[in-house]
Amino acid sequence: MAKIEIYTTPTCPYCHAAKSLLNEKGADYTEITVLDPALREKMTQRANGRRTVPQIFIGETHVGGYDDMAALDRAGGLDPLLAQ
């Protein structure tokens, strides 16, 4: 299974939804909480300027936020990406 990193904050409902979807898929992920400004800056650089959370990376692919990942799942593209 691909390496998954998800940048979050503790109170973000979209972060919780993204983690829930990944849990439903049985995917292991590393959660990076971006309360520290340096971590948020690193996330922003990796996410091509996007500052909102969550930001999800599967392998080398920047999936985007929860809405992006959910759309990818509905289109049938999430499972193959997770299986890499």
N, C-alpha and C. Protein backbone atom coordinates (compact mmCIF):
# COMPACT_ATOMS: atom_id res chain seq x y z
N MET A 1 0.84 -1.18 0.00
CA MET A 1 0.00 0.00 0.00
C MET A 1 0.89 1.25 0.00
N ALA A 2 0.40 2.28 -0.63
CA ALA A 2 1.16 3.53 -0.76
C ALA A 2 1.31 4.24 0.58
N LYS A 3 2.37 5.03 0.68
CA LYS A 3 2.56 5.88 1.86
C LYS A 3 1.57 7.04 1.77
N ILE A 4 0.83 7.25 2.86
CA ILE A 4 -0.18 8.31 2.89
C ILE A 4 0.16 9.28 4.00
N GLU A 5 0.15 10.57 3.66
CA GLU A 5 0.36 11.63 4.64
C GLU A 5 -0.82 12.58 4.54
N ILE A 6 -1.38 12.94 5.70
CA ILE A 6 -2.50 13.85 5.73
C ILE A 6 -2.20 14.95 6.75
N TYR A 7 -2.23 16.18 6.26
CA TYR A 7 -2.00 17.36 7.10
C TYR A 7 -3.36 17.79 7.65
N THR A 8 -3.44 17.98 8.97
CA THR A 8 -4.71 18.26 9.63
C THR A 8 -4.58 19.30 10.72
N THR A 9 -5.75 19.70 11.25
CA THR A 9 -5.85 20.40 12.53
C THR A 9 -6.89 19.63 13.35
N PRO A 10 -6.82 19.73 14.67
CA PRO A 10 -7.69 18.91 15.52
C PRO A 10 -9.19 19.17 15.37
N THR A 11 -9.60 20.39 15.06
CA THR A 11 -11.02 20.72 15.05
C THR A 11 -11.64 20.76 13.65
N CYS A 12 -10.91 20.39 12.65
CA CYS A 12 -11.37 20.48 11.26
C CYS A 12 -12.31 19.32 10.90
N PRO A 13 -13.58 19.59 10.59
CA PRO A 13 -14.50 18.50 10.24
C PRO A 13 -14.12 17.79 8.94
N TYR A 14 -13.52 18.50 7.99
CA TYR A 14 -13.10 17.86 6.76
C TYR A 14 -11.92 16.92 7.00
N CYS A 15 -11.08 17.27 7.96
CA CYS A 15 -9.97 16.39 8.34
C CYS A 15 -10.51 15.08 8.91
N HIS A 16 -11.51 15.20 9.77
CA HIS A 16 -12.12 14.01 10.36
C HIS A 16 -12.79 13.16 9.29
N ALA A 17 -13.45 13.80 8.33
CA ALA A 17 -14.09 13.07 7.24
C ALA A 17 -13.05 12.35 6.37
N ALA A 18 -11.94 13.01 6.09
CA ALA A 18 -10.89 12.41 5.29
C ALA A 18 -10.28 11.20 5.99
N LYS A 19 -10.02 11.34 7.28
CA LYS A 19 -9.47 10.21 8.04
C LYS A 19 -10.47 9.06 8.11
N SER A 20 -11.74 9.38 8.23
CA SER A 20 -12.78 8.36 8.26
C SER A 20 -12.82 7.58 6.94
N LEU A 21 -12.75 8.29 5.82
CA LEU A 21 -12.74 7.62 4.52
C LEU A 21 -11.52 6.72 4.38
N LEU A 22 -10.36 7.21 4.78
CA LEU A 22 -9.15 6.38 4.72
C LEU A 22 -9.28 5.17 5.64
N ASN A 23 -9.86 5.36 6.82
CA ASN A 23 -10.06 4.23 7.73
C ASN A 23 -11.01 3.20 7.12
N GLU A 24 -12.08 3.65 6.46
CA GLU A 24 -13.01 2.74 5.79
C GLU A 24 -12.31 1.91 4.73
N LYS A 25 -11.31 2.51 4.09
CA LYS A 25 -10.54 1.81 3.06
C LYS A 25 -9.47 0.90 3.65
N GLY A 26 -9.29 0.96 4.97
CA GLY A 26 -8.26 0.16 5.62
C GLY A 26 -6.86 0.68 5.37
N ALA A 27 -6.76 1.96 5.06
CA ALA A 27 -5.47 2.56 4.72
C ALA A 27 -4.78 3.09 5.98
N ASP A 28 -3.51 2.80 6.08
CA ASP A 28 -2.68 3.37 7.15
C ASP A 28 -2.14 4.71 6.66
N TYR A 29 -2.14 5.69 7.54
CA TYR A 29 -1.66 7.01 7.15
C TYR A 29 -0.91 7.65 8.30
N THR A 30 -0.10 8.62 7.94
CA THR A 30 0.61 9.44 8.91
C THR A 30 -0.11 10.78 8.97
N GLU A 31 -0.53 11.15 10.16
CA GLU A 31 -1.21 12.43 10.35
C GLU A 31 -0.20 13.46 10.85
N ILE A 32 -0.19 14.61 10.20
CA ILE A 32 0.71 15.70 10.57
C ILE A 32 -0.17 16.89 10.96
N THR A 33 -0.18 17.21 12.24
CA THR A 33 -0.98 18.33 12.73
C THR A 33 -0.22 19.62 12.51
N VAL A 34 -0.86 20.58 11.86
CA VAL A 34 -0.16 21.79 11.43
C VAL A 34 -0.48 23.01 12.29
N LEU A 35 -0.54 22.81 13.61
CA LEU A 35 -0.72 23.95 14.50
C LEU A 35 0.55 24.79 14.58
N ASP A 36 1.69 24.15 14.35
CA ASP A 36 2.98 24.84 14.31
C ASP A 36 3.10 25.56 12.96
N PRO A 37 3.35 26.87 12.96
CA PRO A 37 3.45 27.61 11.70
C PRO A 37 4.49 27.03 10.73
N ALA A 38 5.56 26.48 11.23
CA ALA A 38 6.59 25.90 10.35
C ALA A 38 6.04 24.68 9.62
N LEU A 39 5.25 23.86 10.30
CA LEU A 39 4.65 22.69 9.65
C LEU A 39 3.61 23.12 8.63
N ARG A 40 2.84 24.16 8.95
CA ARG A 40 1.84 24.64 7.98
C ARG A 40 2.55 25.19 6.75
N GLU A 41 3.66 25.87 6.93
CA GLU A 41 4.41 26.40 5.79
C GLU A 41 4.94 25.26 4.92
N LYS A 42 5.44 24.20 5.55
CA LYS A 42 5.91 23.04 4.79
C LYS A 42 4.76 22.44 3.99
N MET A 43 3.58 22.31 4.62
CA MET A 43 2.40 21.79 3.94
C MET A 43 2.05 22.67 2.74
N THR A 44 2.05 23.99 2.96
CA THR A 44 1.69 24.93 1.90
C THR A 44 2.63 24.80 0.71
N GLN A 45 3.90 24.64 0.97
CA GLN A 45 4.88 24.46 -0.11
C GLN A 45 4.62 23.17 -0.87
N ARG A 46 4.39 22.08 -0.14
CA ARG A 46 4.13 20.78 -0.78
C ARG A 46 2.83 20.79 -1.57
N ALA A 47 1.84 21.56 -1.10
CA ALA A 47 0.51 21.57 -1.69
C ALA A 47 0.34 22.70 -2.71
N ASN A 48 1.42 23.17 -3.27
CA ASN A 48 1.37 24.19 -4.32
C ASN A 48 0.59 25.43 -3.90
N GLY A 49 0.85 25.88 -2.66
CA GLY A 49 0.25 27.11 -2.18
C GLY A 49 -1.08 26.95 -1.46
N ARG A 50 -1.63 25.77 -1.44
CA ARG A 50 -2.90 25.57 -0.74
C ARG A 50 -2.65 25.57 0.76
N ARG A 51 -3.43 26.39 1.49
CA ARG A 51 -3.21 26.55 2.93
C ARG A 51 -4.28 25.87 3.77
N THR A 52 -5.35 25.39 3.15
CA THR A 52 -6.43 24.78 3.90
C THR A 52 -6.11 23.34 4.26
N VAL A 53 -6.75 22.87 5.31
CA VAL A 53 -6.60 21.47 5.70
C VAL A 53 -7.92 20.75 5.49
N PRO A 54 -7.88 19.46 5.23
CA PRO A 54 -6.68 18.65 5.12
C PRO A 54 -6.02 18.82 3.76
N GLN A 55 -4.75 18.47 3.71
CA GLN A 55 -4.03 18.27 2.46
C GLN A 55 -3.53 16.84 2.49
N ILE A 56 -3.85 16.09 1.46
CA ILE A 56 -3.61 14.65 1.44
C ILE A 56 -2.63 14.30 0.33
N PHE A 57 -1.64 13.50 0.70
CA PHE A 57 -0.64 13.01 -0.24
C PHE A 57 -0.65 11.49 -0.19
N ILE A 58 -0.78 10.87 -1.35
CA ILE A 58 -0.70 9.42 -1.45
C ILE A 58 0.48 9.12 -2.36
N GLY A 59 1.50 8.50 -1.78
CA GLY A 59 2.75 8.34 -2.51
C GLY A 59 3.27 9.72 -2.85
N GLU A 60 3.61 9.94 -4.09
CA GLU A 60 4.10 11.25 -4.55
C GLU A 60 2.96 12.12 -5.08
N THR A 61 1.74 11.62 -5.05
CA THR A 61 0.59 12.34 -5.62
C THR A 61 -0.08 13.23 -4.58
N HIS A 62 -0.21 14.50 -4.91
CA HIS A 62 -0.98 15.41 -4.07
C HIS A 62 -2.44 15.27 -4.47
N VAL A 63 -3.23 14.65 -3.61
CA VAL A 63 -4.64 14.42 -3.90
C VAL A 63 -5.44 15.69 -3.72
N GLY A 64 -5.07 16.51 -2.74
CA GLY A 64 -5.80 17.72 -2.43
C GLY A 64 -6.47 17.58 -1.08
N GLY A 65 -7.67 18.14 -0.96
CA GLY A 65 -8.40 18.09 0.29
C GLY A 65 -9.40 16.95 0.32
N TYR A 66 -10.28 16.98 1.32
CA TYR A 66 -11.27 15.91 1.46
C TYR A 66 -12.19 15.83 0.25
N ASP A 67 -12.71 16.97 -0.21
CA ASP A 67 -13.62 16.96 -1.35
C ASP A 67 -12.95 16.35 -2.58
N ASP A 68 -11.68 16.67 -2.77
CA ASP A 68 -10.93 16.11 -3.90
C ASP A 68 -10.80 14.59 -3.76
N MET A 69 -10.48 14.13 -2.56
CA MET A 69 -10.32 12.70 -2.34
C MET A 69 -11.65 11.96 -2.48
N ALA A 70 -12.73 12.55 -1.97
CA ALA A 70 -14.04 11.92 -2.09
C ALA A 70 -14.48 11.83 -3.56
N ALA A 71 -14.20 12.87 -4.33
CA ALA A 71 -14.52 12.85 -5.77
C ALA A 71 -13.69 11.79 -6.48
N LEU A 72 -12.43 11.68 -6.11
CA LEU A 72 -11.56 10.66 -6.70
C LEU A 72 -12.10 9.26 -6.38
N ASP A 73 -12.59 9.08 -5.15
CA ASP A 73 -13.16 7.79 -4.76
C ASP A 73 -14.41 7.50 -5.57
N ARG A 74 -15.31 8.47 -5.71
CA ARG A 74 -16.54 8.26 -6.49
C ARG A 74 -16.24 7.93 -7.94
N ALA A 75 -15.14 8.47 -8.47
CA ALA A 75 -14.75 8.21 -9.86
C ALA A 75 -13.99 6.90 -10.01
N GLY A 76 -13.73 6.21 -8.90
CA GLY A 76 -13.03 4.93 -8.96
C GLY A 76 -11.52 5.04 -8.99
N GLY A 77 -10.99 6.22 -8.70
CA GLY A 77 -9.55 6.42 -8.79
C GLY A 77 -8.79 6.29 -7.49
N LEU A 78 -9.50 6.26 -6.36
CA LEU A 78 -8.80 6.24 -5.08
C LEU A 78 -8.21 4.87 -4.78
N ASP A 79 -8.97 3.81 -4.97
CA ASP A 79 -8.47 2.47 -4.64
C ASP A 79 -7.20 2.11 -5.40
N PRO A 80 -7.12 2.37 -6.72
CA PRO A 80 -5.86 2.07 -7.42
C PRO A 80 -4.68 2.89 -6.87
N LEU A 81 -4.94 4.13 -6.50
CA LEU A 81 -3.88 4.97 -5.96
C LEU A 81 -3.40 4.42 -4.61
N LEU A 82 -4.34 3.98 -3.79
CA LEU A 82 -3.98 3.40 -2.49
C LEU A 82 -3.20 2.11 -2.64
N ALA A 83 -3.47 1.36 -3.70
CA ALA A 83 -2.84 0.06 -3.91
C ALA A 83 -1.42 0.13 -4.44
N GLN A 84 -0.96 1.32 -4.82
CA GLN A 84 0.39 1.46 -5.38
C GLN A 84 1.44 1.01 -4.41
